């Protein structure tokens, strides 16, 4: 039993480590993210906006694939956790194709208080608003404070 708990703890530590590593490798720098905020968004054509959102989705997929391969090959105990995360991500974005996100972000950036929020965070806001997430207001206030 103690060995199983140690294996589980080691597996969870590996999972957290893999997530942090993948996030650092796949996430743009904070400076780049700030440059890709409201003014940047407003300067793009509809096609460019759609391409950007599709690129973000590709980044999500790459991140999931890297984690999935690493965990399946090295830490089989975490496979169920990774598969659950992938299912939850798919469910979270259900009903929000790229075109609908583009339209929602266009509306999001018409509010001047949102102009400095990076597109990557704006995406989370509009998807959470679509899902009627009761905590999205608090989340948006935090983002506005972080990106005044």
C-alpha atoms as a PDB file:
ATOM      1  CA  UNK A   1       0.000   0.000   0.000  1.00  0.00           C
ATOM      2  CA  UNK A   2       2.815   2.411   0.898  1.00  0.00           C
ATOM      3  CA  UNK A   3       4.593   1.537  -2.352  1.00  0.00           C
ATOM      4  CA  UNK A   4       1.432   2.261  -4.329  1.00  0.00           C
ATOM      5  CA  UNK A   5       1.054   5.630  -2.578  1.00  0.00           C
ATOM      6  CA  UNK A   6       4.699   6.444  -3.349  1.00  0.00           C
ATOM      7  CA  UNK A   7       4.148   5.457  -6.988  1.00  0.00           C
ATOM      8  CA  UNK A   8       1.028   7.610  -7.120  1.00  0.00           C
ATOM      9  CA  UNK A   9       2.875  10.543  -5.536  1.00  0.00           C
ATOM     10  CA  UNK A  10       5.744  10.130  -7.991  1.00  0.00           C
ATOM     11  CA  UNK A  11       3.249   9.895 -10.848  1.00  0.00           C
ATOM     12  CA  UNK A  12       1.456  13.045  -9.733  1.00  0.00           C
ATOM     13  CA  UNK A  13       4.765  14.880  -9.354  1.00  0.00           C
ATOM     14  CA  UNK A  14       5.696  13.788 -12.866  1.00  0.00           C
ATOM     15  CA  UNK A  15       2.324  14.951 -14.178  1.00  0.00           C
ATOM     16  CA  UNK A  16       2.728  18.372 -12.576  1.00  0.00           C
ATOM     17  CA  UNK A  17       6.292  18.593 -13.876  1.00  0.00           C
ATOM     18  CA  UNK A  18       5.220  17.647 -17.398  1.00  0.00           C
ATOM     19  CA  UNK A  19       2.406  20.221 -17.356  1.00  0.00           C
ATOM     20  CA  UNK A  20       4.752  22.978 -16.164  1.00  0.00           C
ATOM     21  CA  UNK A  21       7.375  22.051 -18.762  1.00  0.00           C
ATOM     22  CA  UNK A  22       4.856  21.898 -21.597  1.00  0.00           C
ATOM     23  CA  UNK A  23       3.363  25.207 -20.518  1.00  0.00           C
ATOM     24  CA  UNK A  24       6.763  26.868 -20.491  1.00  0.00           C
ATOM     25  CA  UNK A  25       7.676  25.419 -23.876  1.00  0.00           C
ATOM     26  CA  UNK A  26       4.363  26.170 -25.599  1.00  0.00           C
ATOM     27  CA  UNK A  27       3.296  29.438 -23.979  1.00  0.00           C
ATOM     28  CA  UNK A  28       4.372  32.747 -25.484  1.00  0.00           C
ATOM     29  CA  UNK A  29       6.335  35.124 -23.303  1.00  0.00           C
ATOM     30  CA  UNK A  30       4.370  37.632 -21.244  1.00  0.00           C
ATOM     31  CA  UNK A  31       5.700  40.502 -23.395  1.00  0.00           C
ATOM     32  CA  UNK A  32       4.476  38.818 -26.575  1.00  0.00           C
ATOM     33  CA  UNK A  33       1.109  38.075 -24.993  1.00  0.00           C
ATOM     34  CA  UNK A  34       0.664  41.739 -24.005  1.00  0.00           C
ATOM     35  CA  UNK A  35       1.455  42.797 -27.586  1.00  0.00           C
ATOM     36  CA  UNK A  36      -1.283  40.457 -28.780  1.00  0.00           C
ATOM     37  CA  UNK A  37      -4.107  42.247 -27.011  1.00  0.00           C
ATOM     38  CA  UNK A  38      -7.023  44.442 -28.114  1.00  0.00           C
ATOM     39  CA  UNK A  39      -5.197  46.812 -30.481  1.00  0.00           C
ATOM     40  CA  UNK A  40      -3.480  43.884 -32.157  1.00  0.00           C
ATOM     41  CA  UNK A  41      -6.787  42.028 -32.458  1.00  0.00           C
ATOM     42  CA  UNK A  42      -8.588  45.031 -33.912  1.00  0.00           C
ATOM     43  CA  UNK A  43      -5.929  45.411 -36.602  1.00  0.00           C
ATOM     44  CA  UNK A  44      -6.466  41.903 -37.966  1.00  0.00           C
ATOM     45  CA  UNK A  45      -8.806  40.882 -40.749  1.00  0.00           C
ATOM     46  CA  UNK A  46     -11.539  38.330 -39.997  1.00  0.00           C
ATOM     47  CA  UNK A  47      -9.428  35.663 -41.736  1.00  0.00           C
ATOM     48  CA  UNK A  48      -6.341  36.521 -39.671  1.00  0.00           C
ATOM     49  CA  UNK A  49      -8.390  36.448 -36.461  1.00  0.00           C
ATOM     50  CA  UNK A  50      -9.729  33.010 -37.374  1.00  0.00           C
ATOM     51  CA  UNK A  51      -6.198  31.803 -38.147  1.00  0.00           C
ATOM     52  CA  UNK A  52      -4.993  33.081 -34.775  1.00  0.00           C
ATOM     53  CA  UNK A  53      -7.756  31.239 -32.907  1.00  0.00           C
ATOM     54  CA  UNK A  54      -7.048  28.073 -34.906  1.00  0.00           C
ATOM     55  CA  UNK A  55      -3.362  28.492 -33.985  1.00  0.00           C
ATOM     56  CA  UNK A  56      -4.279  28.677 -30.309  1.00  0.00           C
ATOM     57  CA  UNK A  57      -6.312  25.475 -30.719  1.00  0.00           C
ATOM     58  CA  UNK A  58      -3.308  23.861 -32.450  1.00  0.00           C
ATOM     59  CA  UNK A  59      -1.194  24.875 -29.452  1.00  0.00           C
ATOM     60  CA  UNK A  60      -3.685  23.214 -27.102  1.00  0.00           C
ATOM     61  CA  UNK A  61      -3.544  20.040 -29.183  1.00  0.00           C
ATOM     62  CA  UNK A  62       0.251  20.056 -29.295  1.00  0.00           C
ATOM     63  CA  UNK A  63       0.415  20.506 -25.540  1.00  0.00           C
ATOM     64  CA  UNK A  64      -2.041  17.639 -24.958  1.00  0.00           C
ATOM     65  CA  UNK A  65      -0.157  15.410 -27.387  1.00  0.00           C
ATOM     66  CA  UNK A  66       3.217  16.082 -25.766  1.00  0.00           C
ATOM     67  CA  UNK A  67       1.808  15.383 -22.324  1.00  0.00           C
ATOM     68  CA  UNK A  68      -0.136  12.348 -23.522  1.00  0.00           C
ATOM     69  CA  UNK A  69       2.874  10.724 -25.174  1.00  0.00           C
ATOM     70  CA  UNK A  70       5.171  11.456 -22.243  1.00  0.00           C
ATOM     71  CA  UNK A  71       2.746  10.190 -19.643  1.00  0.00           C
ATOM     72  CA  UNK A  72       1.727   7.067 -21.551  1.00  0.00           C
ATOM     73  CA  UNK A  73       5.358   6.107 -22.181  1.00  0.00           C
ATOM     74  CA  UNK A  74       6.792   6.992 -18.789  1.00  0.00           C
ATOM     75  CA  UNK A  75       4.017   7.219 -16.221  1.00  0.00           C
ATOM     76  CA  UNK A  76       1.169   4.894 -17.118  1.00  0.00           C
ATOM     77  CA  UNK A  77      -0.505   5.592 -13.776  1.00  0.00           C
ATOM     78  CA  UNK A  78      -1.314   9.122 -15.050  1.00  0.00           C
ATOM     79  CA  UNK A  79      -2.903   8.025 -18.335  1.00  0.00           C
ATOM     80  CA  UNK A  80      -6.438   8.145 -16.925  1.00  0.00           C
ATOM     81  CA  UNK A  81      -5.829  11.649 -15.584  1.00  0.00           C
ATOM     82  CA  UNK A  82      -4.546  12.878 -18.949  1.00  0.00           C
ATOM     83  CA  UNK A  83      -7.467  11.340 -20.818  1.00  0.00           C
ATOM     84  CA  UNK A  84      -9.856  13.019 -18.381  1.00  0.00           C
ATOM     85  CA  UNK A  85      -8.191  16.392 -18.956  1.00  0.00           C
ATOM     86  CA  UNK A  86      -8.542  15.953 -22.739  1.00  0.00           C
ATOM     87  CA  UNK A  87     -12.237  15.018 -22.436  1.00  0.00           C
ATOM     88  CA  UNK A  88     -12.884  18.012 -20.191  1.00  0.00           C
ATOM     89  CA  UNK A  89     -11.088  20.361 -22.608  1.00  0.00           C
ATOM     90  CA  UNK A  90     -13.203  19.096 -25.488  1.00  0.00           C
ATOM     91  CA  UNK A  91     -16.374  19.566 -23.454  1.00  0.00           C
ATOM     92  CA  UNK A  92     -15.303  23.049 -22.360  1.00  0.00           C
ATOM     93  CA  UNK A  93     -14.957  24.248 -25.962  1.00  0.00           C
ATOM     94  CA  UNK A  94     -18.007  22.385 -27.286  1.00  0.00           C
ATOM     95  CA  UNK A  95     -20.297  24.709 -29.197  1.00  0.00           C
ATOM     96  CA  UNK A  96     -17.579  27.340 -29.622  1.00  0.00           C
ATOM     97  CA  UNK A  97     -16.009  26.947 -33.064  1.00  0.00           C
ATOM     98  CA  UNK A  98     -13.328  29.421 -34.144  1.00  0.00           C
ATOM     99  CA  UNK A  99     -15.752  31.714 -36.002  1.00  0.00           C
ATOM    100  CA  UNK A 100     -17.970  32.098 -32.968  1.00  0.00           C
ATOM    101  CA  UNK A 101     -14.955  32.852 -30.779  1.00  0.00           C
ATOM    102  CA  UNK A 102     -13.797  35.510 -33.270  1.00  0.00           C
ATOM    103  CA  UNK A 103     -17.210  37.198 -33.105  1.00  0.00           C
ATOM    104  CA  UNK A 104     -17.218  37.023 -29.300  1.00  0.00           C
ATOM    105  CA  UNK A 105     -13.694  38.480 -29.095  1.00  0.00           C
ATOM    106  CA  UNK A 106     -14.688  41.305 -31.446  1.00  0.00           C
ATOM    107  CA  UNK A 107     -17.431  42.209 -28.960  1.00  0.00           C
ATOM    108  CA  UNK A 108     -15.091  41.670 -25.981  1.00  0.00           C
ATOM    109  CA  UNK A 109     -12.536  44.176 -27.264  1.00  0.00           C
ATOM    110  CA  UNK A 110     -15.143  46.901 -27.888  1.00  0.00           C
ATOM    111  CA  UNK A 111     -15.019  47.483 -24.111  1.00  0.00           C
ATOM    112  CA  UNK A 112     -11.988  49.727 -23.470  1.00  0.00           C
ATOM    113  CA  UNK A 113     -11.397  48.035 -20.092  1.00  0.00           C
ATOM    114  CA  UNK A 114     -10.463  44.864 -21.994  1.00  0.00           C
ATOM    115  CA  UNK A 115      -8.061  46.419 -24.513  1.00  0.00           C
ATOM    116  CA  UNK A 116      -4.866  45.297 -22.722  1.00  0.00           C
ATOM    117  CA  UNK A 117      -5.989  41.749 -21.984  1.00  0.00           C
ATOM    118  CA  UNK A 118      -4.056  39.338 -24.224  1.00  0.00           C
ATOM    119  CA  UNK A 119      -6.067  37.439 -26.830  1.00  0.00           C
ATOM    120  CA  UNK A 120      -5.153  34.127 -25.200  1.00  0.00           C
ATOM    121  CA  UNK A 121      -6.883  35.258 -21.974  1.00  0.00           C
ATOM    122  CA  UNK A 122      -9.737  36.925 -23.856  1.00  0.00           C
ATOM    123  CA  UNK A 123     -10.458  33.548 -25.411  1.00  0.00           C
ATOM    124  CA  UNK A 124     -10.933  32.014 -21.951  1.00  0.00           C
ATOM    125  CA  UNK A 125     -13.255  34.852 -20.954  1.00  0.00           C
ATOM    126  CA  UNK A 126     -15.544  34.530 -23.983  1.00  0.00           C
ATOM    127  CA  UNK A 127     -15.715  30.737 -23.754  1.00  0.00           C
ATOM    128  CA  UNK A 128     -16.502  30.944 -20.038  1.00  0.00           C
ATOM    129  CA  UNK A 129     -19.158  33.586 -20.759  1.00  0.00           C
ATOM    130  CA  UNK A 130     -20.669  31.251 -23.356  1.00  0.00           C
ATOM    131  CA  UNK A 131     -20.803  28.477 -20.768  1.00  0.00           C
ATOM    132  CA  UNK A 132     -22.473  30.884 -18.318  1.00  0.00           C
ATOM    133  CA  UNK A 133     -19.664  30.324 -15.819  1.00  0.00           C
ATOM    134  CA  UNK A 134     -20.705  32.149 -12.616  1.00  0.00           C
ATOM    135  CA  UNK A 135     -17.064  33.010 -11.806  1.00  0.00           C
ATOM    136  CA  UNK A 136     -16.258  34.708 -15.125  1.00  0.00           C
ATOM    137  CA  UNK A 137     -16.935  38.184 -13.694  1.00  0.00           C
ATOM    138  CA  UNK A 138     -14.315  37.705 -10.972  1.00  0.00           C
ATOM    139  CA  UNK A 139     -11.909  36.265 -13.526  1.00  0.00           C
ATOM    140  CA  UNK A 140     -12.410  39.268 -15.818  1.00  0.00           C
ATOM    141  CA  UNK A 141     -11.838  41.709 -12.938  1.00  0.00           C
ATOM    142  CA  UNK A 142      -8.562  39.932 -12.121  1.00  0.00           C
ATOM    143  CA  UNK A 143      -7.457  40.165 -15.759  1.00  0.00           C
ATOM    144  CA  UNK A 144      -8.345  43.859 -15.938  1.00  0.00           C
ATOM    145  CA  UNK A 145      -6.264  44.478 -12.811  1.00  0.00           C
ATOM    146  CA  UNK A 146      -3.359  42.465 -14.197  1.00  0.00           C
ATOM    147  CA  UNK A 147      -3.518  44.171 -17.626  1.00  0.00           C
ATOM    148  CA  UNK A 148      -4.711  47.764 -16.901  1.00  0.00           C
END
